[in-house]
């Protein structure tokens, strides 16, 4: 949660005061803590925020960022994603990059195919820790990141808790807008793939995955944003001529939540084979494309932390790498 003020108005002292307020309130109302946590889980359940048929564990303690820290996180994440695109582009021609990334032959072949998009990573979750004003990245989840819709919704639930809703700084808090960014990524993909054609999206993953509850939240938001969406298991896809269908609905953009390795392990199954064929022939746009497997590898950070590859990146990207990427 980020205070919605200018940098001069909110700094570390304001964040420290907010943290102290939360701690005092919880200490003064310790007997209410369990009831509050149960109510928090109940509210999450009403919104469909669940993982593997249970609530997502949390603490009665939000994380606050100043606007300056927020911008620092955003700028660092943008540079990491720009680095990802450069490594993806280097993959077909750079033997050492290819060796270090270490994709399976079929993963590598698909990663090198043109996707029709200017970027291979439209949706990502750069996982990081804040160390004071500094950002330290742990990994870049670019294959099939979960939690986009939950981030916004959990913040909304948190801000209704009494120690935040009634706090003196309550009006200065703002949350994230991850769902809007996600919808914008789908619109970008649609524009590049289909031009002015009407949107028709499918969220695709196995029907029994633990993150399946989030799909409904994403679908609700997409539908409300003018992006008609269906949820489909890969095995429910069907290629008819040059069109891909999901449960009878023609699809031009797939929000791919199924991870690449699992998809390829079942490539000979009906539906899965159709999806891969449609992607290779350019009949459907997949977000993220298969090139996103490259920065999703743990070895991606090994390339970023190795000075031998500095020539792949800009000066700003190399500076960010030295500051934000641990030696790997």
Protein backbone atom coordinates (compact mmCIF):
# COMPACT_ATOMS: atom_id res chain seq x y z
CA UNK A 1 0.00 0.00 0.00
CA UNK A 2 1.47 3.32 -1.04
CA UNK A 3 0.54 6.71 0.48
CA UNK A 4 -1.03 8.77 -2.29
CA UNK A 5 1.04 11.92 -1.73
CA UNK A 6 3.96 13.74 -3.28
CA UNK A 7 7.47 12.63 -2.21
CA UNK A 8 8.00 15.76 -0.16
CA UNK A 9 4.91 14.99 1.89
CA UNK A 10 5.56 11.33 2.68
CA UNK A 11 8.87 9.86 3.71
CA UNK A 12 10.32 7.22 5.97
CA UNK A 13 9.07 9.03 9.09
CA UNK A 14 5.47 8.90 7.84
CA UNK A 15 5.79 5.19 7.09
CA UNK A 16 7.34 4.58 10.51
CA UNK A 17 4.39 6.40 12.11
CA UNK A 18 1.93 4.27 10.13
CA UNK A 19 3.67 1.07 11.22
CA UNK A 20 3.72 2.24 14.85
CA UNK A 21 0.00 3.05 14.67
CA UNK A 22 -0.82 -0.46 13.44
CA UNK A 23 1.32 -2.08 16.14
CA UNK A 24 -0.21 0.04 18.90
CA UNK A 25 -3.74 -0.70 17.75
CA UNK A 26 -3.12 -4.43 17.61
CA UNK A 27 -1.40 -4.44 20.99
CA UNK A 28 -4.33 -2.51 22.51
CA UNK A 29 -6.85 -4.86 20.89
CA UNK A 30 -4.95 -8.14 21.15
CA UNK A 31 -8.11 -9.98 22.22
CA UNK A 32 -9.73 -9.01 18.90
CA UNK A 33 -6.88 -10.19 16.68
CA UNK A 34 -8.19 -13.70 16.04
CA UNK A 35 -11.68 -12.41 15.27
CA UNK A 36 -10.24 -9.82 12.89
CA UNK A 37 -8.17 -12.41 11.08
CA UNK A 38 -11.17 -14.72 10.72
CA UNK A 39 -13.24 -11.82 9.39
CA UNK A 40 -10.46 -11.02 6.94
CA UNK A 41 -10.50 -14.59 5.65
CA UNK A 42 -14.30 -14.50 5.43
CA UNK A 43 -14.16 -11.33 3.32
CA UNK A 44 -11.53 -12.89 1.10
CA UNK A 45 -13.69 -15.98 0.65
CA UNK A 46 -16.64 -13.84 -0.46
CA UNK A 47 -14.43 -12.38 -3.17
CA UNK A 48 -13.21 -15.82 -4.21
CA UNK A 49 -9.69 -15.25 -2.89
CA UNK A 50 -8.60 -18.80 -2.11
CA UNK A 51 -5.73 -21.16 -2.81
CA UNK A 52 -6.18 -24.93 -2.91
CA UNK A 53 -9.66 -24.70 -1.33
CA UNK A 54 -8.45 -22.63 1.63
CA UNK A 55 -7.68 -19.01 2.52
CA UNK A 56 -4.36 -17.49 1.57
CA UNK A 57 -2.44 -17.17 4.86
CA UNK A 58 -1.62 -13.62 5.86
CA UNK A 59 -0.77 -11.39 8.81
CA UNK A 60 -2.65 -8.48 10.34
CA UNK A 61 0.16 -6.23 9.19
CA UNK A 62 0.27 -4.37 5.86
CA UNK A 63 3.44 -3.40 4.05
CA UNK A 64 3.78 0.33 3.42
CA UNK A 65 5.85 1.97 0.68
CA UNK A 66 6.55 5.66 0.22
CA UNK A 67 5.96 7.15 -3.24
CA UNK A 68 9.73 7.29 -3.63
CA UNK A 69 10.09 3.61 -2.85
CA UNK A 70 7.18 2.81 -5.14
CA UNK A 71 8.84 4.61 -8.04
CA UNK A 72 12.11 2.87 -7.24
CA UNK A 73 10.41 -0.52 -7.40
CA UNK A 74 8.66 0.35 -10.66
CA UNK A 75 11.80 1.69 -12.32
CA UNK A 76 13.89 -1.32 -11.25
CA UNK A 77 11.19 -3.74 -12.43
CA UNK A 78 10.95 -1.98 -15.80
CA UNK A 79 14.71 -2.35 -16.27
CA UNK A 80 14.64 -6.04 -15.29
CA UNK A 81 11.88 -6.64 -17.83
CA UNK A 82 13.85 -4.74 -20.49
CA UNK A 83 16.82 -6.99 -19.71
CA UNK A 84 14.56 -10.01 -20.12
CA UNK A 85 13.62 -8.95 -23.65
CA UNK A 86 17.28 -8.56 -24.59
CA UNK A 87 18.18 -12.00 -23.32
CA UNK A 88 15.22 -13.51 -25.19
CA UNK A 89 16.37 -11.83 -28.40
CA UNK A 90 19.94 -13.08 -27.85
CA UNK A 91 18.86 -16.69 -27.36
CA UNK A 92 18.79 -17.83 -31.04
CA UNK A 93 22.23 -16.39 -31.85
CA UNK A 94 24.29 -16.53 -28.64
CA UNK A 95 25.52 -20.03 -27.83
CA UNK A 96 26.62 -19.12 -24.31
CA UNK A 97 23.28 -17.53 -23.46
CA UNK A 98 21.54 -20.60 -24.81
CA UNK A 99 23.78 -22.91 -22.76
CA UNK A 100 23.28 -21.01 -19.51
CA UNK A 101 19.52 -20.64 -19.88
CA UNK A 102 19.34 -24.40 -20.42
CA UNK A 103 15.94 -24.89 -22.02
CA UNK A 104 14.81 -28.28 -23.29
CA UNK A 105 15.04 -28.54 -27.11
CA UNK A 106 11.28 -28.12 -27.64
CA UNK A 107 11.08 -25.25 -25.14
CA UNK A 108 13.95 -23.56 -26.95
CA UNK A 109 12.37 -24.05 -30.37
CA UNK A 110 9.10 -22.49 -29.25
CA UNK A 111 10.90 -19.67 -27.44
CA UNK A 112 12.60 -18.72 -30.72
CA UNK A 113 9.38 -18.61 -32.75
CA UNK A 114 7.98 -15.15 -33.67
CA UNK A 115 5.02 -14.31 -31.46
CA UNK A 116 3.68 -11.33 -33.41
CA UNK A 117 4.15 -9.15 -30.33
CA UNK A 118 6.80 -6.48 -29.73
CA UNK A 119 7.46 -7.92 -26.26
CA UNK A 120 7.61 -11.48 -25.04
CA UNK A 121 6.83 -10.63 -21.41
CA UNK A 122 3.58 -8.70 -21.08
CA UNK A 123 2.65 -10.15 -17.68
CA UNK A 124 5.25 -10.77 -14.98
CA UNK A 125 5.79 -10.84 -11.26
CA UNK A 126 9.30 -9.66 -10.38
CA UNK A 127 9.68 -10.96 -6.82
CA UNK A 128 11.86 -8.72 -4.68
CA UNK A 129 12.69 -7.53 -1.18
CA UNK A 130 13.08 -3.93 -0.07
CA UNK A 131 16.30 -3.17 1.84
CA UNK A 132 15.72 0.41 2.89
CA UNK A 133 15.43 2.32 -0.38
CA UNK A 134 17.05 -0.49 -2.36
CA UNK A 135 15.37 -3.30 -4.29
CA UNK A 136 16.78 -6.82 -4.26
CA UNK A 137 15.23 -9.17 -6.80
CA UNK A 138 14.79 -12.85 -5.96
CA UNK A 139 13.36 -14.12 -9.24
CA UNK A 140 11.36 -13.06 -12.26
CA UNK A 141 8.18 -15.09 -12.60
CA UNK A 142 7.36 -14.61 -16.27
CA UNK A 143 6.17 -18.06 -17.36
CA UNK A 144 2.77 -18.05 -15.69
CA UNK A 145 2.58 -15.60 -12.77
CA UNK A 146 -0.38 -15.86 -10.39
CA UNK A 147 -1.76 -13.32 -7.96
CA UNK A 148 -2.55 -10.37 -10.24
CA UNK A 149 -6.23 -10.10 -9.29
CA UNK A 150 -5.66 -11.15 -5.69
CA UNK A 151 -3.20 -8.29 -5.12
CA UNK A 152 -5.83 -5.63 -5.73
CA UNK A 153 -8.61 -7.45 -3.89
CA UNK A 154 -6.58 -8.27 -0.80
CA UNK A 155 -5.50 -4.65 -0.49
CA UNK A 156 -9.13 -3.57 -0.68
CA UNK A 157 -10.06 -6.01 2.11
CA UNK A 158 -7.12 -4.87 4.23
CA UNK A 159 -8.05 -1.21 3.95
CA UNK A 160 -11.41 -2.01 5.53
CA UNK A 161 -9.78 -3.32 8.72
CA UNK A 162 -10.40 -0.90 11.63
CA UNK A 163 -6.75 -0.08 12.32
CA UNK A 164 -6.46 1.13 8.71
CA UNK A 165 -9.97 2.37 7.93
CA UNK A 166 -9.97 4.62 11.02
CA UNK A 167 -6.29 5.56 10.92
CA UNK A 168 -5.31 9.24 10.71
CA UNK A 169 -3.48 8.46 7.45
CA UNK A 170 -6.32 6.42 5.90
CA UNK A 171 -7.12 8.97 3.18
CA UNK A 172 -3.49 9.04 2.11
CA UNK A 173 -3.33 5.34 1.31
CA UNK A 174 -3.69 3.95 -2.17
CA UNK A 175 -3.47 0.42 -3.39
CA UNK A 176 -2.39 -1.25 -6.60
CA UNK A 177 -4.12 -1.44 -9.96
CA UNK A 178 -2.74 -4.76 -11.18
CA UNK A 179 -5.99 -5.87 -12.81
CA UNK A 180 -6.05 -2.73 -14.97
CA UNK A 181 -2.47 -3.33 -16.10
CA UNK A 182 -3.37 -6.93 -16.92
CA UNK A 183 -6.37 -5.88 -19.00
CA UNK A 184 -4.19 -3.34 -20.80
CA UNK A 185 -1.69 -6.08 -21.65
CA UNK A 186 -4.50 -8.15 -23.18
CA UNK A 187 -5.71 -5.17 -25.20
CA UNK A 188 -2.17 -4.63 -26.47
CA UNK A 189 -1.92 -8.26 -27.51
CA UNK A 190 -5.32 -8.08 -29.20
CA UNK A 191 -4.34 -4.96 -31.13
CA UNK A 192 -1.13 -6.50 -32.47
CA UNK A 193 -2.78 -9.80 -33.30
CA UNK A 194 -6.23 -8.88 -34.54
CA UNK A 195 -6.21 -5.14 -35.16
CA UNK A 196 -9.78 -3.86 -34.85
CA UNK A 197 -11.28 -7.33 -34.46
CA UNK A 198 -13.57 -7.76 -31.46
CA UNK A 199 -11.93 -9.19 -28.35
CA UNK A 200 -12.40 -12.83 -27.50
CA UNK A 201 -10.20 -14.09 -24.68
CA UNK A 202 -9.65 -17.40 -22.93
CA UNK A 203 -7.93 -17.95 -19.59
CA UNK A 204 -6.27 -21.33 -20.08
CA UNK A 205 -5.00 -23.71 -17.38
CA UNK A 206 -5.80 -27.17 -16.04
CA UNK A 207 -9.19 -27.18 -14.38
CA UNK A 208 -7.89 -28.56 -11.06
CA UNK A 209 -4.91 -26.24 -10.39
CA UNK A 210 -4.67 -24.66 -6.94
CA UNK A 211 -4.86 -21.13 -8.38
CA UNK A 212 -8.12 -21.77 -10.29
CA UNK A 213 -10.15 -19.44 -8.04
CA UNK A 214 -8.24 -16.45 -9.32
CA UNK A 215 -9.40 -17.15 -12.87
CA UNK A 216 -12.97 -16.23 -11.94
CA UNK A 217 -11.83 -12.92 -10.45
CA UNK A 218 -9.85 -12.11 -13.59
CA UNK A 219 -12.78 -13.10 -15.82
CA UNK A 220 -15.15 -10.81 -13.88
CA UNK A 221 -12.77 -7.89 -14.32
CA UNK A 222 -12.13 -8.61 -18.00
CA UNK A 223 -15.85 -8.93 -18.74
CA UNK A 224 -16.54 -5.63 -16.96
CA UNK A 225 -13.69 -4.02 -18.94
CA UNK A 226 -15.16 -4.96 -22.31
CA UNK A 227 -13.01 -8.04 -22.82
CA UNK A 228 -15.39 -11.03 -23.09
CA UNK A 229 -13.60 -13.99 -21.54
CA UNK A 230 -14.05 -17.72 -21.09
CA UNK A 231 -12.14 -20.06 -18.79
CA UNK A 232 -10.92 -23.26 -20.42
CA UNK A 233 -8.77 -26.29 -19.75
CA UNK A 234 -6.19 -26.77 -22.56
CA UNK A 235 -7.90 -30.04 -23.39
CA UNK A 236 -11.10 -28.10 -24.15
CA UNK A 237 -9.52 -26.21 -27.06
CA UNK A 238 -10.22 -27.15 -30.65
CA UNK A 239 -8.60 -25.97 -33.85
CA UNK A 240 -11.09 -25.59 -36.72
CA UNK A 241 -9.33 -24.49 -39.88
CA UNK A 242 -7.40 -21.36 -38.90
CA UNK A 243 -9.49 -20.57 -35.80
CA UNK A 244 -9.08 -21.84 -32.24
CA UNK A 245 -12.20 -22.50 -30.17
CA UNK A 246 -12.66 -22.82 -26.42
CA UNK A 247 -15.82 -24.70 -25.53
CA UNK A 248 -17.36 -23.58 -28.81
CA UNK A 249 -16.25 -19.93 -28.53
CA UNK A 250 -13.75 -18.61 -31.13
CA UNK A 251 -10.66 -17.23 -29.39
CA UNK A 252 -8.10 -14.73 -30.65
CA UNK A 253 -6.12 -14.12 -27.43
CA UNK A 254 -5.14 -16.64 -24.75
CA UNK A 255 -4.13 -15.57 -21.27
CA UNK A 256 -1.84 -18.54 -20.69
CA UNK A 257 -1.77 -19.60 -17.07
CA UNK A 258 -0.69 -23.17 -17.74
CA UNK A 259 3.08 -23.41 -17.37
CA UNK A 260 5.07 -24.32 -20.46
CA UNK A 261 6.75 -27.46 -19.12
CA UNK A 262 3.40 -29.01 -18.15
CA UNK A 263 1.89 -28.08 -21.50
CA UNK A 264 4.70 -29.70 -23.46
CA UNK A 265 4.61 -32.81 -21.27
CA UNK A 266 1.04 -33.37 -22.53
CA UNK A 267 1.50 -32.04 -26.05
CA UNK A 268 -0.04 -35.12 -27.70
CA UNK A 269 -3.38 -34.76 -25.91
CA UNK A 270 -6.36 -33.36 -27.84
CA UNK A 271 -6.72 -29.65 -27.28
CA UNK A 272 -3.13 -29.23 -26.14
CA UNK A 273 -1.89 -30.23 -29.58
CA UNK A 274 -4.39 -27.79 -31.14
CA UNK A 275 -3.17 -24.94 -28.93
CA UNK A 276 0.47 -25.52 -29.87
CA UNK A 277 -0.39 -25.77 -33.58
CA UNK A 278 -2.47 -22.58 -33.46
CA UNK A 279 0.40 -20.75 -31.76
CA UNK A 280 3.02 -21.95 -34.25
CA UNK A 281 0.86 -20.95 -37.22
CA UNK A 282 -0.04 -17.57 -35.73
CA UNK A 283 -3.77 -18.31 -35.53
CA UNK A 284 -3.95 -17.20 -31.90
CA UNK A 285 -2.01 -14.76 -29.73
CA UNK A 286 -0.70 -16.22 -26.47
CA UNK A 287 0.13 -14.05 -23.45
CA UNK A 288 2.79 -14.62 -22.37
CA UNK A 289 4.37 -16.09 -25.52
CA UNK A 290 6.70 -19.05 -25.14
CA UNK A 291 9.76 -16.79 -25.14
CA UNK A 292 8.78 -15.82 -21.59
CA UNK A 293 10.19 -19.17 -20.50
CA UNK A 294 13.70 -17.64 -20.84
CA UNK A 295 13.55 -15.08 -17.98
CA UNK A 296 11.43 -17.53 -16.01
CA UNK A 297 14.52 -19.74 -15.67
CA UNK A 298 16.51 -19.34 -12.45
CA UNK A 299 19.60 -19.15 -14.66
CA UNK A 300 18.35 -15.83 -16.09
CA UNK A 301 19.81 -14.03 -13.07
CA UNK A 302 23.13 -15.82 -13.64
CA UNK A 303 23.35 -13.99 -16.96
CA UNK A 304 22.41 -10.68 -15.38
CA UNK A 305 25.06 -11.03 -12.67
CA UNK A 306 27.83 -12.09 -15.07
CA UNK A 307 29.86 -9.16 -16.43
CA UNK A 308 30.70 -11.11 -19.57
CA UNK A 309 27.18 -10.34 -20.82
CA UNK A 310 27.17 -6.61 -20.06
CA UNK A 311 27.38 -5.90 -23.79
CA UNK A 312 23.82 -7.18 -24.19
CA UNK A 313 22.46 -4.36 -22.04
CA UNK A 314 22.33 -0.57 -21.84
CA UNK A 315 24.30 1.46 -19.28
CA UNK A 316 21.14 2.01 -17.20
CA UNK A 317 20.35 -1.70 -17.26
CA UNK A 318 23.89 -2.63 -16.23
CA UNK A 319 23.75 -0.15 -13.36
CA UNK A 320 20.44 -1.59 -12.18
CA UNK A 321 21.83 -5.14 -12.40
CA UNK A 322 24.75 -4.30 -10.14
CA UNK A 323 22.43 -2.68 -7.59
CA UNK A 324 19.45 -5.04 -7.62
CA UNK A 325 20.52 -8.51 -8.77
CA UNK A 326 22.31 -10.75 -6.25
CA UNK A 327 25.30 -12.67 -7.53
CA UNK A 328 24.02 -15.96 -8.90
